[in-house]
Amino acid sequence: MPLGKIIKLLLGAFQNIPAESVNSSKLPATENSPSFATLENTEILQDNVSEVTLKQSTTQTTEKPLPKILEEKKMINVSMLQDELQNYVSAAADVQGAALVSPDGLALASVLPVGMDEERTAAMSASMLSLGERIGRELARGSIDRIVVEGEKGYGVLVGCGADAVLLVLAGSDVKQGLLFLEIKRVVSKIAPLLA
């Protein structure tokens, strides 16, 4: 069967045009192409097309959609947040990872080192924030600006990013704290408008 005829039949099937309406008399016949009845070809192609569309619809339903945050009937695209975090982590030399977390402990976007569990990191970040706010109230220190965890391998800095998210930044031990805090303020100023 000539390739042009196959293409026309497929186009007709995808555009819901009956296959019988495809005019095959104008197509040139080739020597190597066997002659089949048009009705049989149409039935075979329609079966194949329905199998393809069935496979496509099942693969589309199994794909995980991008997460979205619903806030006052506004949808926020998490892929933009993910891009901002990726740009920040790749541009800063001593920053090893970052995660944007909801106050409930759900990861909105993250660029974490290999081996770190995103869900566990998000839950711990929310717990740290909750505990830090409670300590701030009990010690009469007011609202918390940032929470810093310093260890022998580096820092974990937790900063509020608007009312609906918290930014966790992981940095190496060689980082200059002043520069780190400055860069965190810059990335928060970029991310916060995406959450508003």
C-alpha atoms as a PDB file:
ATOM      1  CA  MET A   1       0.000   0.000   0.000  1.00  0.00           C
ATOM      2  CA  PRO A   2       1.467   3.414  -0.893  1.00  0.00           C
ATOM      3  CA  LEU A   3       2.653   5.541   1.995  1.00  0.00           C
ATOM      4  CA  GLY A   4       0.555   8.494   0.851  1.00  0.00           C
ATOM      5  CA  LYS A   5      -2.624   6.431   1.087  1.00  0.00           C
ATOM      6  CA  ILE A   6      -1.741   5.251   4.601  1.00  0.00           C
ATOM      7  CA  ILE A   7      -1.116   8.829   5.696  1.00  0.00           C
ATOM      8  CA  LYS A   8      -4.412  10.004   4.217  1.00  0.00           C
ATOM      9  CA  LEU A   9      -6.290   7.149   5.891  1.00  0.00           C
ATOM     10  CA  LEU A  10      -4.684   7.954   9.247  1.00  0.00           C
ATOM     11  CA  LEU A  11      -5.434  11.641   8.866  1.00  0.00           C
ATOM     12  CA  GLY A  12      -9.013  10.803   8.002  1.00  0.00           C
ATOM     13  CA  ALA A  13      -9.334   8.576  11.078  1.00  0.00           C
ATOM     14  CA  PHE A  14      -7.889  11.239  13.390  1.00  0.00           C
ATOM     15  CA  GLN A  15     -10.082  13.975  11.967  1.00  0.00           C
ATOM     16  CA  ASN A  16     -13.223  11.818  12.239  1.00  0.00           C
ATOM     17  CA  ILE A  17     -13.587  11.764   8.451  1.00  0.00           C
ATOM     18  CA  PRO A  18     -14.975   8.505   7.143  1.00  0.00           C
ATOM     19  CA  ALA A  19     -12.206   6.499   5.517  1.00  0.00           C
ATOM     20  CA  GLU A  20     -14.374   5.802   2.479  1.00  0.00           C
ATOM     21  CA  SER A  21     -14.265   9.518   1.635  1.00  0.00           C
ATOM     22  CA  VAL A  22     -10.510   9.374   1.069  1.00  0.00           C
ATOM     23  CA  ASN A  23     -10.040   9.351  -2.703  1.00  0.00           C
ATOM     24  CA  SER A  24      -7.454   6.668  -3.420  1.00  0.00           C
ATOM     25  CA  SER A  25      -7.876   6.820  -7.192  1.00  0.00           C
ATOM     26  CA  LYS A  26      -5.646   9.905  -7.399  1.00  0.00           C
ATOM     27  CA  LEU A  27      -2.784   8.146  -5.615  1.00  0.00           C
ATOM     28  CA  PRO A  28      -0.175   6.529  -7.844  1.00  0.00           C
ATOM     29  CA  ALA A  29       0.118   2.768  -7.558  1.00  0.00           C
ATOM     30  CA  THR A  30       3.577   1.329  -7.037  1.00  0.00           C
ATOM     31  CA  GLU A  31       4.855  -1.981  -8.296  1.00  0.00           C
ATOM     32  CA  ASN A  32       5.789  -3.314  -4.865  1.00  0.00           C
ATOM     33  CA  SER A  33       2.557  -2.429  -3.135  1.00  0.00           C
ATOM     34  CA  PRO A  34       0.016  -5.234  -2.882  1.00  0.00           C
ATOM     35  CA  SER A  35      -3.566  -4.424  -3.684  1.00  0.00           C
ATOM     36  CA  PHE A  36      -5.999  -4.798  -0.817  1.00  0.00           C
ATOM     37  CA  ALA A  37      -9.646  -4.011  -0.603  1.00  0.00           C
ATOM     38  CA  THR A  38     -10.246  -0.484   0.699  1.00  0.00           C
ATOM     39  CA  LEU A  39     -12.828  -1.644   3.236  1.00  0.00           C
ATOM     40  CA  GLU A  40     -10.433  -4.199   4.783  1.00  0.00           C
ATOM     41  CA  ASN A  41      -7.637  -1.605   5.006  1.00  0.00           C
ATOM     42  CA  THR A  42      -9.998   0.852   6.616  1.00  0.00           C
ATOM     43  CA  GLU A  43     -11.125  -1.670   9.245  1.00  0.00           C
ATOM     44  CA  ILE A  44      -7.517  -2.644  10.078  1.00  0.00           C
ATOM     45  CA  LEU A  45      -6.445   0.997  10.335  1.00  0.00           C
ATOM     46  CA  GLN A  46      -9.454   1.929  12.459  1.00  0.00           C
ATOM     47  CA  ASP A  47      -8.658  -0.951  14.846  1.00  0.00           C
ATOM     48  CA  ASN A  48      -5.008   0.178  15.059  1.00  0.00           C
ATOM     49  CA  VAL A  49      -5.991   3.813  15.536  1.00  0.00           C
ATOM     50  CA  SER A  50      -8.409   2.911  18.332  1.00  0.00           C
ATOM     51  CA  GLU A  51      -5.660   0.837  20.006  1.00  0.00           C
ATOM     52  CA  VAL A  52      -3.238   3.768  19.749  1.00  0.00           C
ATOM     53  CA  THR A  53      -5.737   6.246  21.167  1.00  0.00           C
ATOM     54  CA  LEU A  54      -6.593   3.796  23.962  1.00  0.00           C
ATOM     55  CA  LYS A  55      -2.889   3.416  24.825  1.00  0.00           C
ATOM     56  CA  GLN A  56      -2.403   7.199  24.746  1.00  0.00           C
ATOM     57  CA  SER A  57      -5.376   7.813  27.038  1.00  0.00           C
ATOM     58  CA  THR A  58      -4.172   5.219  29.568  1.00  0.00           C
ATOM     59  CA  THR A  59      -0.645   6.636  29.632  1.00  0.00           C
ATOM     60  CA  GLN A  60      -1.991  10.149  30.114  1.00  0.00           C
ATOM     61  CA  THR A  61      -4.019   9.122  33.146  1.00  0.00           C
ATOM     62  CA  THR A  62      -1.081   7.369  34.807  1.00  0.00           C
ATOM     63  CA  GLU A  63       1.282  10.338  34.429  1.00  0.00           C
ATOM     64  CA  LYS A  64       1.629  12.382  37.620  1.00  0.00           C
ATOM     65  CA  PRO A  65       0.393  15.917  36.995  1.00  0.00           C
ATOM     66  CA  LEU A  66       2.364  18.890  38.253  1.00  0.00           C
ATOM     67  CA  PRO A  67       1.270  19.835  41.740  1.00  0.00           C
ATOM     68  CA  LYS A  68      -0.643  23.079  42.108  1.00  0.00           C
ATOM     69  CA  ILE A  69      -1.375  25.176  45.174  1.00  0.00           C
ATOM     70  CA  LEU A  70      -4.921  26.442  45.544  1.00  0.00           C
ATOM     71  CA  GLU A  71      -4.979  29.783  47.329  1.00  0.00           C
ATOM     72  CA  GLU A  72      -8.059  32.005  47.241  1.00  0.00           C
ATOM     73  CA  LYS A  73      -9.097  30.493  43.894  1.00  0.00           C
ATOM     74  CA  LYS A  74      -5.707  31.295  42.319  1.00  0.00           C
ATOM     75  CA  MET A  75      -3.633  28.495  40.842  1.00  0.00           C
ATOM     76  CA  ILE A  76       0.123  28.786  41.280  1.00  0.00           C
ATOM     77  CA  ASN A  77       2.293  26.865  38.858  1.00  0.00           C
ATOM     78  CA  VAL A  78       4.887  24.912  40.795  1.00  0.00           C
ATOM     79  CA  SER A  79       7.128  24.514  37.741  1.00  0.00           C
ATOM     80  CA  MET A  80       7.985  28.225  37.979  1.00  0.00           C
ATOM     81  CA  LEU A  81       8.923  27.760  41.638  1.00  0.00           C
ATOM     82  CA  GLN A  82      10.998  24.714  40.714  1.00  0.00           C
ATOM     83  CA  ASP A  83      12.842  26.739  38.061  1.00  0.00           C
ATOM     84  CA  GLU A  84      13.641  29.513  40.548  1.00  0.00           C
ATOM     85  CA  LEU A  85      15.011  27.009  43.065  1.00  0.00           C
ATOM     86  CA  GLN A  86      17.033  25.223  40.384  1.00  0.00           C
ATOM     87  CA  ASN A  87      18.537  28.523  39.203  1.00  0.00           C
ATOM     88  CA  TYR A  88      19.382  29.523  42.772  1.00  0.00           C
ATOM     89  CA  VAL A  89      21.067  26.233  43.693  1.00  0.00           C
ATOM     90  CA  SER A  90      23.045  26.020  40.458  1.00  0.00           C
ATOM     91  CA  ALA A  91      24.191  29.669  40.641  1.00  0.00           C
ATOM     92  CA  ALA A  92      25.312  29.671  44.287  1.00  0.00           C
ATOM     93  CA  ALA A  93      28.591  27.820  44.757  1.00  0.00           C
ATOM     94  CA  ASP A  94      28.217  26.719  48.391  1.00  0.00           C
ATOM     95  CA  VAL A  95      24.482  25.999  48.326  1.00  0.00           C
ATOM     96  CA  GLN A  96      23.889  22.251  48.187  1.00  0.00           C
ATOM     97  CA  GLY A  97      20.107  22.206  48.009  1.00  0.00           C
ATOM     98  CA  ALA A  98      16.857  24.022  48.654  1.00  0.00           C
ATOM     99  CA  ALA A  99      13.234  23.137  49.283  1.00  0.00           C
ATOM    100  CA  LEU A 100      10.051  25.174  49.312  1.00  0.00           C
ATOM    101  CA  VAL A 101       7.647  23.725  51.847  1.00  0.00           C
ATOM    102  CA  SER A 102       4.067  24.501  52.874  1.00  0.00           C
ATOM    103  CA  PRO A 103       3.408  25.151  56.575  1.00  0.00           C
ATOM    104  CA  ASP A 104       1.636  21.783  56.624  1.00  0.00           C
ATOM    105  CA  GLY A 105       4.850  19.989  55.699  1.00  0.00           C
ATOM    106  CA  LEU A 106       4.192  19.330  52.001  1.00  0.00           C
ATOM    107  CA  ALA A 107       7.005  19.878  49.515  1.00  0.00           C
ATOM    108  CA  LEU A 108       6.005  22.404  46.860  1.00  0.00           C
ATOM    109  CA  ALA A 109       9.311  22.406  44.986  1.00  0.00           C
ATOM    110  CA  SER A 110      12.766  21.104  45.824  1.00  0.00           C
ATOM    111  CA  VAL A 111      16.299  20.699  44.560  1.00  0.00           C
ATOM    112  CA  LEU A 112      17.874  18.432  47.146  1.00  0.00           C
ATOM    113  CA  PRO A 113      21.145  16.482  47.238  1.00  0.00           C
ATOM    114  CA  VAL A 114      21.007  12.856  46.128  1.00  0.00           C
ATOM    115  CA  GLY A 115      19.814  10.582  48.899  1.00  0.00           C
ATOM    116  CA  MET A 116      17.682  13.129  50.758  1.00  0.00           C
ATOM    117  CA  ASP A 117      14.002  12.229  51.002  1.00  0.00           C
ATOM    118  CA  GLU A 118      11.852  15.136  49.842  1.00  0.00           C
ATOM    119  CA  GLU A 119       8.825  14.238  51.971  1.00  0.00           C
ATOM    120  CA  ARG A 120      10.852  13.730  55.163  1.00  0.00           C
ATOM    121  CA  THR A 121      12.780  16.960  54.602  1.00  0.00           C
ATOM    122  CA  ALA A 122       9.529  18.864  54.066  1.00  0.00           C
ATOM    123  CA  ALA A 123       7.958  17.423  57.222  1.00  0.00           C
ATOM    124  CA  MET A 124      11.045  18.240  59.315  1.00  0.00           C
ATOM    125  CA  SER A 125      11.137  21.785  57.938  1.00  0.00           C
ATOM    126  CA  ALA A 126       7.520  22.390  58.946  1.00  0.00           C
ATOM    127  CA  SER A 127       8.217  20.955  62.403  1.00  0.00           C
ATOM    128  CA  MET A 128      11.285  23.185  62.806  1.00  0.00           C
ATOM    129  CA  LEU A 129       9.254  26.225  61.818  1.00  0.00           C
ATOM    130  CA  SER A 130       6.448  25.385  64.233  1.00  0.00           C
ATOM    131  CA  LEU A 131       8.871  24.750  67.093  1.00  0.00           C
ATOM    132  CA  GLY A 132      10.868  27.899  66.312  1.00  0.00           C
ATOM    133  CA  GLU A 133       7.746  30.067  66.341  1.00  0.00           C
ATOM    134  CA  ARG A 134       6.715  28.562  69.664  1.00  0.00           C
ATOM    135  CA  ILE A 135      10.152  29.195  71.168  1.00  0.00           C
ATOM    136  CA  GLY A 136      10.067  32.767  69.861  1.00  0.00           C
ATOM    137  CA  ARG A 137       6.727  33.354  71.594  1.00  0.00           C
ATOM    138  CA  GLU A 138       7.821  31.725  74.866  1.00  0.00           C
ATOM    139  CA  LEU A 139      11.059  33.725  75.008  1.00  0.00           C
ATOM    140  CA  ALA A 140       9.263  36.929  73.977  1.00  0.00           C
ATOM    141  CA  ARG A 141      11.505  37.371  70.917  1.00  0.00           C
ATOM    142  CA  GLY A 142       8.706  38.260  68.519  1.00  0.00           C
ATOM    143  CA  SER A 143       8.276  36.808  65.051  1.00  0.00           C
ATOM    144  CA  ILE A 144      11.003  34.499  63.787  1.00  0.00           C
ATOM    145  CA  ASP A 145      13.214  35.850  60.999  1.00  0.00           C
ATOM    146  CA  ARG A 146      15.148  32.659  60.292  1.00  0.00           C
ATOM    147  CA  ILE A 147      16.038  29.381  61.937  1.00  0.00           C
ATOM    148  CA  VAL A 148      19.621  28.210  61.489  1.00  0.00           C
ATOM    149  CA  VAL A 149      20.870  24.709  62.190  1.00  0.00           C
ATOM    150  CA  GLU A 150      24.670  24.575  62.191  1.00  0.00           C
ATOM    151  CA  GLY A 151      26.483  21.250  62.031  1.00  0.00           C
ATOM    152  CA  GLU A 152      29.966  20.032  61.214  1.00  0.00           C
ATOM    153  CA  LYS A 153      29.019  19.515  57.562  1.00  0.00           C
ATOM    154  CA  GLY A 154      27.263  22.831  57.037  1.00  0.00           C
ATOM    155  CA  TYR A 155      24.106  24.819  57.605  1.00  0.00           C
ATOM    156  CA  GLY A 156      20.385  24.401  57.258  1.00  0.00           C
ATOM    157  CA  VAL A 157      18.593  27.745  57.092  1.00  0.00           C
ATOM    158  CA  LEU A 158      14.823  27.992  57.316  1.00  0.00           C
ATOM    159  CA  VAL A 159      13.226  31.274  56.203  1.00  0.00           C
ATOM    160  CA  GLY A 160       9.598  32.300  55.844  1.00  0.00           C
ATOM    161  CA  CYS A 161       8.602  32.907  52.240  1.00  0.00           C
ATOM    162  CA  GLY A 162       5.265  34.641  52.555  1.00  0.00           C
ATOM    163  CA  ALA A 163       2.397  33.275  54.611  1.00  0.00           C
ATOM    164  CA  ASP A 164       2.051  30.067  52.613  1.00  0.00           C
ATOM    165  CA  ALA A 165       5.574  28.695  52.281  1.00  0.00           C
ATOM    166  CA  VAL A 166       8.895  28.187  54.005  1.00  0.00           C
ATOM    167  CA  LEU A 167      12.257  28.034  52.240  1.00  0.00           C
ATOM    168  CA  LEU A 168      14.873  25.580  53.470  1.00  0.00           C
ATOM    169  CA  VAL A 169      18.418  26.160  52.193  1.00  0.00           C
ATOM    170  CA  LEU A 170      21.226  23.655  52.728  1.00  0.00           C
ATOM    171  CA  ALA A 171      24.755  25.077  52.528  1.00  0.00           C
ATOM    172  CA  GLY A 172      28.265  23.727  53.022  1.00  0.00           C
ATOM    173  CA  SER A 173      30.448  24.514  56.015  1.00  0.00           C
ATOM    174  CA  ASP A 174      32.741  26.815  53.972  1.00  0.00           C
ATOM    175  CA  VAL A 175      29.953  29.268  53.134  1.00  0.00           C
ATOM    176  CA  LYS A 176      30.154  32.860  54.372  1.00  0.00           C
ATOM    177  CA  GLN A 177      27.056  33.361  56.508  1.00  0.00           C
ATOM    178  CA  GLY A 178      26.545  36.995  55.501  1.00  0.00           C
ATOM    179  CA  LEU A 179      26.615  36.136  51.801  1.00  0.00           C
ATOM    180  CA  LEU A 180      24.352  33.138  52.374  1.00  0.00           C
ATOM    181  CA  PHE A 181      21.730  35.232  54.183  1.00  0.00           C
ATOM    182  CA  LEU A 182      21.928  37.910  51.482  1.00  0.00           C
ATOM    183  CA  GLU A 183      21.409  35.342  48.708  1.00  0.00           C
ATOM    184  CA  ILE A 184      18.515  33.801  50.632  1.00  0.00           C
ATOM    185  CA  LYS A 185      16.832  37.230  50.857  1.00  0.00           C
ATOM    186  CA  ARG A 186      17.247  37.644  47.098  1.00  0.00           C
ATOM    187  CA  VAL A 187      15.732  34.286  46.251  1.00  0.00           C
ATOM    188  CA  VAL A 188      12.853  34.872  48.703  1.00  0.00           C
ATOM    189  CA  SER A 189      12.126  38.188  46.970  1.00  0.00           C
ATOM    190  CA  LYS A 190      11.863  36.286  43.670  1.00  0.00           C
ATOM    191  CA  ILE A 191       9.766  33.398  45.016  1.00  0.00           C
ATOM    192  CA  ALA A 192       7.324  35.352  47.223  1.00  0.00           C
ATOM    193  CA  PRO A 193       5.544  37.099  44.281  1.00  0.00           C
ATOM    194  CA  LEU A 194       4.969  33.691  42.651  1.00  0.00           C
ATOM    195  CA  LEU A 195       3.075  32.589  45.754  1.00  0.00           C
ATOM    196  CA  ALA A 196       0.921  35.744  46.027  1.00  0.00           C
END
